[in-house]
Amino acid sequence: MFGLGWPEVGLIAIAAIVIFGPKKIPEMGSALGKTLRGFKQEMNKPSSDQDDTEQDHS
């Protein structure tokens, strides 16, 4: 996972709990999940800009 070992991941998790608090962490995870899901849907959706560009080069 990004070249991090378990000790580093644990340290980051502890720092996040100390900084944001245990009640805020699930809310942030949910927001991040929704953001990534929306980004993934936009990346998989064909856009009209790409279609126009492909037609211009043909």
PDB file of N, CA and C in Angstrom:
ATOM      1  N   MET A   1       0.850  -1.189   0.000  1.00  0.00           N
ATOM      2  CA  MET A   1       0.000   0.000   0.000  1.00  0.00           C
ATOM      3  C   MET A   1       0.884   1.237   0.000  1.00  0.00           C
ATOM      4  N   PHE A   2       1.181   1.794  -1.150  1.00  0.00           N
ATOM      5  CA  PHE A   2       1.972   3.007  -1.324  1.00  0.00           C
ATOM      6  C   PHE A   2       3.361   2.886  -0.707  1.00  0.00           C
ATOM      7  N   GLY A   3       3.878   1.679  -0.604  1.00  0.00           N
ATOM      8  CA  GLY A   3       5.208   1.479  -0.048  1.00  0.00           C
ATOM      9  C   GLY A   3       5.279   1.682   1.459  1.00  0.00           C
ATOM     10  N   LEU A   4       4.146   1.658   2.140  1.00  0.00           N
ATOM     11  CA  LEU A   4       4.119   1.828   3.588  1.00  0.00           C
ATOM     12  C   LEU A   4       3.964   0.474   4.261  1.00  0.00           C
ATOM     13  N   GLY A   5       4.674   0.296   5.358  1.00  0.00           N
ATOM     14  CA  GLY A   5       4.518  -0.916   6.146  1.00  0.00           C
ATOM     15  C   GLY A   5       3.448  -0.726   7.200  1.00  0.00           C
ATOM     16  N   TRP A   6       3.146  -1.814   7.928  1.00  0.00           N
ATOM     17  CA  TRP A   6       2.111  -1.742   8.963  1.00  0.00           C
ATOM     18  C   TRP A   6       2.439  -0.745  10.065  1.00  0.00           C
ATOM     19  N   PRO A   7       3.699  -0.619  10.491  1.00  0.00           N
ATOM     20  CA  PRO A   7       3.983   0.374  11.542  1.00  0.00           C
ATOM     21  C   PRO A   7       3.660   1.809  11.100  1.00  0.00           C
ATOM     22  N   GLU A   8       3.964   2.132   9.844  1.00  0.00           N
ATOM     23  CA  GLU A   8       3.676   3.473   9.341  1.00  0.00           C
ATOM     24  C   GLU A   8       2.171   3.718   9.230  1.00  0.00           C
ATOM     25  N   VAL A   9       1.437   2.705   8.750  1.00  0.00           N
ATOM     26  CA  VAL A   9      -0.014   2.828   8.633  1.00  0.00           C
ATOM     27  C   VAL A   9      -0.635   3.023  10.013  1.00  0.00           C
ATOM     28  N   GLY A  10      -0.155   2.268  10.999  1.00  0.00           N
ATOM     29  CA  GLY A  10      -0.654   2.418  12.368  1.00  0.00           C
ATOM     30  C   GLY A  10      -0.367   3.789  12.933  1.00  0.00           C
ATOM     31  N   LEU A  11       0.829   4.300  12.690  1.00  0.00           N
ATOM     32  CA  LEU A  11       1.186   5.636  13.167  1.00  0.00           C
ATOM     33  C   LEU A  11       0.304   6.712  12.528  1.00  0.00           C
ATOM     34  N   ILE A  12       0.029   6.574  11.246  1.00  0.00           N
ATOM     35  CA  ILE A  12      -0.840   7.527  10.551  1.00  0.00           C
ATOM     36  C   ILE A  12      -2.256   7.448  11.111  1.00  0.00           C
ATOM     37  N   ALA A  13      -2.741   6.241  11.383  1.00  0.00           N
ATOM     38  CA  ALA A  13      -4.085   6.067  11.942  1.00  0.00           C
ATOM     39  C   ALA A  13      -4.176   6.699  13.326  1.00  0.00           C
ATOM     40  N   ILE A  14      -3.177   6.485  14.158  1.00  0.00           N
ATOM     41  CA  ILE A  14      -3.177   7.083  15.495  1.00  0.00           C
ATOM     42  C   ILE A  14      -3.138   8.604  15.406  1.00  0.00           C
ATOM     43  N   ALA A  15      -2.310   9.128  14.516  1.00  0.00           N
ATOM     44  CA  ALA A  15      -2.231  10.582  14.345  1.00  0.00           C
ATOM     45  C   ALA A  15      -3.577  11.140  13.871  1.00  0.00           C
ATOM     46  N   ALA A  16      -4.251  10.427  12.960  1.00  0.00           N
ATOM     47  CA  ALA A  16      -5.553  10.896  12.469  1.00  0.00           C
ATOM     48  C   ALA A  16      -6.580  10.915  13.595  1.00  0.00           C
ATOM     49  N   ILE A  17      -6.569   9.897  14.451  1.00  0.00           N
ATOM     50  CA  ILE A  17      -7.519   9.861  15.571  1.00  0.00           C
ATOM     51  C   ILE A  17      -7.237  10.991  16.544  1.00  0.00           C
ATOM     52  N   VAL A  18      -5.960  11.259  16.800  1.00  0.00           N
ATOM     53  CA  VAL A  18      -5.607  12.340  17.726  1.00  0.00           C
ATOM     54  C   VAL A  18      -6.001  13.694  17.146  1.00  0.00           C
ATOM     55  N   ILE A  19      -5.748  13.890  15.860  1.00  0.00           N
ATOM     56  CA  ILE A  19      -6.021  15.189  15.234  1.00  0.00           C
ATOM     57  C   ILE A  19      -7.517  15.419  15.039  1.00  0.00           C
ATOM     58  N   PHE A  20      -8.221  14.445  14.470  1.00  0.00           N
ATOM     59  CA  PHE A  20      -9.615  14.647  14.083  1.00  0.00           C
ATOM     60  C   PHE A  20     -10.618  14.130  15.107  1.00  0.00           C
ATOM     61  N   GLY A  21     -10.211  13.227  15.950  1.00  0.00           N
ATOM     62  CA  GLY A  21     -11.131  12.661  16.930  1.00  0.00           C
ATOM     63  C   GLY A  21     -11.824  11.435  16.384  1.00  0.00           C
ATOM     64  N   PRO A  22     -12.184  10.510  17.265  1.00  0.00           N
ATOM     65  CA  PRO A  22     -12.771   9.246  16.808  1.00  0.00           C
ATOM     66  C   PRO A  22     -14.161   9.393  16.178  1.00  0.00           C
ATOM     67  N   LYS A  23     -14.898  10.445  16.499  1.00  0.00           N
ATOM     68  CA  LYS A  23     -16.240  10.608  15.912  1.00  0.00           C
ATOM     69  C   LYS A  23     -16.180  11.173  14.501  1.00  0.00           C
ATOM     70  N   LYS A  24     -15.141  11.909  14.182  1.00  0.00           N
ATOM     71  CA  LYS A  24     -15.039  12.548  12.867  1.00  0.00           C
ATOM     72  C   LYS A  24     -14.479  11.602  11.805  1.00  0.00           C
ATOM     73  N   ILE A  25     -13.725  10.588  12.203  1.00  0.00           N
ATOM     74  CA  ILE A  25     -13.073   9.685  11.251  1.00  0.00           C
ATOM     75  C   ILE A  25     -14.090   8.962  10.344  1.00  0.00           C
ATOM     76  N   PRO A  26     -15.173   8.363  10.873  1.00  0.00           N
ATOM     77  CA  PRO A  26     -16.136   7.703   9.972  1.00  0.00           C
ATOM     78  C   PRO A  26     -16.797   8.672   8.989  1.00  0.00           C
ATOM     79  N   GLU A  27     -17.068   9.901   9.439  1.00  0.00           N
ATOM     80  CA  GLU A  27     -17.663  10.888   8.540  1.00  0.00           C
ATOM     81  C   GLU A  27     -16.714  11.223   7.400  1.00  0.00           C
ATOM     82  N   MET A  28     -15.443  11.356   7.720  1.00  0.00           N
ATOM     83  CA  MET A  28     -14.453  11.669   6.687  1.00  0.00           C
ATOM     84  C   MET A  28     -14.291  10.498   5.729  1.00  0.00           C
ATOM     85  N   GLY A  29     -14.327   9.270   6.253  1.00  0.00           N
ATOM     86  CA  GLY A  29     -14.234   8.091   5.399  1.00  0.00           C
ATOM     87  C   GLY A  29     -15.413   7.989   4.443  1.00  0.00           C
ATOM     88  N   SER A  30     -16.594   8.294   4.953  1.00  0.00           N
ATOM     89  CA  SER A  30     -17.792   8.264   4.119  1.00  0.00           C
ATOM     90  C   SER A  30     -17.711   9.312   3.010  1.00  0.00           C
ATOM     91  N   ALA A  31     -17.273  10.506   3.363  1.00  0.00           N
ATOM     92  CA  ALA A  31     -17.154  11.581   2.365  1.00  0.00           C
ATOM     93  C   ALA A  31     -16.104  11.224   1.316  1.00  0.00           C
ATOM     94  N   LEU A  32     -15.003  10.631   1.757  1.00  0.00           N
ATOM     95  CA  LEU A  32     -13.964  10.231   0.818  1.00  0.00           C
ATOM     96  C   LEU A  32     -14.473   9.141  -0.119  1.00  0.00           C
ATOM     97  N   GLY A  33     -15.232   8.193   0.416  1.00  0.00           N
ATOM     98  CA  GLY A  33     -15.805   7.129  -0.408  1.00  0.00           C
ATOM     99  C   GLY A  33     -16.759   7.670  -1.463  1.00  0.00           C
ATOM    100  N   LYS A  34     -17.610   8.602  -1.071  1.00  0.00           N
ATOM    101  CA  LYS A  34     -18.546   9.208  -2.029  1.00  0.00           C
ATOM    102  C   LYS A  34     -17.792   9.975  -3.111  1.00  0.00           C
ATOM    103  N   THR A  35     -16.738  10.682  -2.717  1.00  0.00           N
ATOM    104  CA  THR A  35     -15.950  11.446  -3.674  1.00  0.00           C
ATOM    105  C   THR A  35     -15.263  10.518  -4.673  1.00  0.00           C
ATOM    106  N   LEU A  36     -14.654   9.457  -4.170  1.00  0.00           N
ATOM    107  CA  LEU A  36     -13.975   8.518  -5.056  1.00  0.00           C
ATOM    108  C   LEU A  36     -14.957   7.796  -5.964  1.00  0.00           C
ATOM    109  N   ARG A  37     -16.135   7.456  -5.451  1.00  0.00           N
ATOM    110  CA  ARG A  37     -17.159   6.801  -6.262  1.00  0.00           C
ATOM    111  C   ARG A  37     -17.607   7.722  -7.398  1.00  0.00           C
ATOM    112  N   GLY A  38     -17.837   8.986  -7.087  1.00  0.00           N
ATOM    113  CA  GLY A  38     -18.234   9.942  -8.119  1.00  0.00           C
ATOM    114  C   GLY A  38     -17.135  10.143  -9.148  1.00  0.00           C
ATOM    115  N   PHE A  39     -15.895  10.200  -8.687  1.00  0.00           N
ATOM    116  CA  PHE A  39     -14.763  10.365  -9.603  1.00  0.00           C
ATOM    117  C   PHE A  39     -14.657   9.161 -10.536  1.00  0.00           C
ATOM    118  N   LYS A  40     -14.824   7.967  -9.983  1.00  0.00           N
ATOM    119  CA  LYS A  40     -14.737   6.745 -10.777  1.00  0.00           C
ATOM    120  C   LYS A  40     -15.844   6.709 -11.828  1.00  0.00           C
ATOM    121  N   GLN A  41     -17.056   7.127 -11.456  1.00  0.00           N
ATOM    122  CA  GLN A  41     -18.166   7.154 -12.412  1.00  0.00           C
ATOM    123  C   GLN A  41     -17.885   8.144 -13.539  1.00  0.00           C
ATOM    124  N   GLU A  42     -17.310   9.287 -13.207  1.00  0.00           N
ATOM    125  CA  GLU A  42     -17.002  10.277 -14.239  1.00  0.00           C
ATOM    126  C   GLU A  42     -15.900   9.783 -15.169  1.00  0.00           C
ATOM    127  N   MET A  43     -14.947   9.035 -14.637  1.00  0.00           N
ATOM    128  CA  MET A  43     -13.864   8.513 -15.468  1.00  0.00           C
ATOM    129  C   MET A  43     -14.371   7.428 -16.417  1.00  0.00           C
ATOM    130  N   ASN A  44     -15.365   6.641 -15.988  1.00  0.00           N
ATOM    131  CA  ASN A  44     -15.895   5.557 -16.813  1.00  0.00           C
ATOM    132  C   ASN A  44     -16.935   6.041 -17.820  1.00  0.00           C
ATOM    133  N   LYS A  45     -17.500   7.221 -17.589  1.00  0.00           N
ATOM    134  CA  LYS A  45     -18.534   7.747 -18.475  1.00  0.00           C
ATOM    135  C   LYS A  45     -17.878   8.380 -19.705  1.00  0.00           C
ATOM    136  N   PRO A  46     -18.276   7.965 -20.895  1.00  0.00           N
ATOM    137  CA  PRO A  46     -17.699   8.609 -22.085  1.00  0.00           C
ATOM    138  C   PRO A  46     -18.193  10.050 -22.185  1.00  0.00           C
ATOM    139  N   SER A  47     -17.270  10.935 -22.456  1.00  0.00           N
ATOM    140  CA  SER A  47     -17.660  12.345 -22.542  1.00  0.00           C
ATOM    141  C   SER A  47     -17.794  12.757 -24.003  1.00  0.00           C
ATOM    142  N   SER A  48     -18.597  13.752 -24.244  1.00  0.00           N
ATOM    143  CA  SER A  48     -18.801  14.232 -25.609  1.00  0.00           C
ATOM    144  C   SER A  48     -17.552  14.940 -26.125  1.00  0.00           C
ATOM    145  N   ASP A  49     -16.716  15.479 -25.221  1.00  0.00           N
ATOM    146  CA  ASP A  49     -15.483  16.132 -25.646  1.00  0.00           C
ATOM    147  C   ASP A  49     -14.536  15.127 -26.284  1.00  0.00           C
ATOM    148  N   GLN A  50     -14.421  13.937 -25.723  1.00  0.00           N
ATOM    149  CA  GLN A  50     -13.557  12.921 -26.297  1.00  0.00           C
ATOM    150  C   GLN A  50     -14.097  12.457 -27.636  1.00  0.00           C
ATOM    151  N   ASP A  51     -15.406  12.319 -27.757  1.00  0.00           N
ATOM    152  CA  ASP A  51     -16.003  11.882 -29.013  1.00  0.00           C
ATOM    153  C   ASP A  51     -15.752  12.910 -30.108  1.00  0.00           C
ATOM    154  N   ASP A  52     -15.882  14.195 -29.785  1.00  0.00           N
ATOM    155  CA  ASP A  52     -15.645  15.245 -30.763  1.00  0.00           C
ATOM    156  C   ASP A  52     -14.196  15.249 -31.218  1.00  0.00           C
ATOM    157  N   THR A  53     -13.268  15.051 -30.293  1.00  0.00           N
ATOM    158  CA  THR A  53     -11.854  15.047 -30.620  1.00  0.00           C
ATOM    159  C   THR A  53     -11.511  13.861 -31.506  1.00  0.00           C
ATOM    160  N   GLU A  54     -12.073  12.701 -31.236  1.00  0.00           N
ATOM    161  CA  GLU A  54     -11.809  11.516 -32.029  1.00  0.00           C
ATOM    162  C   GLU A  54     -12.372  11.679 -33.439  1.00  0.00           C
ATOM    163  N   GLN A  55     -13.498  12.331 -33.586  1.00  0.00           N
ATOM    164  CA  GLN A  55     -14.101  12.525 -34.909  1.00  0.00           C
ATOM    165  C   GLN A  55     -13.290  13.534 -35.721  1.00  0.00           C
ATOM    166  N   ASP A  56     -12.688  14.524 -35.070  1.00  0.00           N
ATOM    167  CA  ASP A  56     -11.893  15.524 -35.767  1.00  0.00           C
ATOM    168  C   ASP A  56     -10.635  14.913 -36.366  1.00  0.00           C
ATOM    169  N   HIS A  57     -10.073  13.921 -35.712  1.00  0.00           N
ATOM    170  CA  HIS A  57      -8.829  13.300 -36.169  1.00  0.00           C
ATOM    171  C   HIS A  57      -9.073  12.240 -37.227  1.00  0.00           C
ATOM    172  N   SER A  58     -10.300  11.823 -37.455  1.00  0.00           N
ATOM    173  CA  SER A  58     -10.598  10.755 -38.428  1.00  0.00           C
ATOM    174  C   SER A  58     -10.619  11.281 -39.825  1.00  0.00           C
TER     175      SER A  58
END
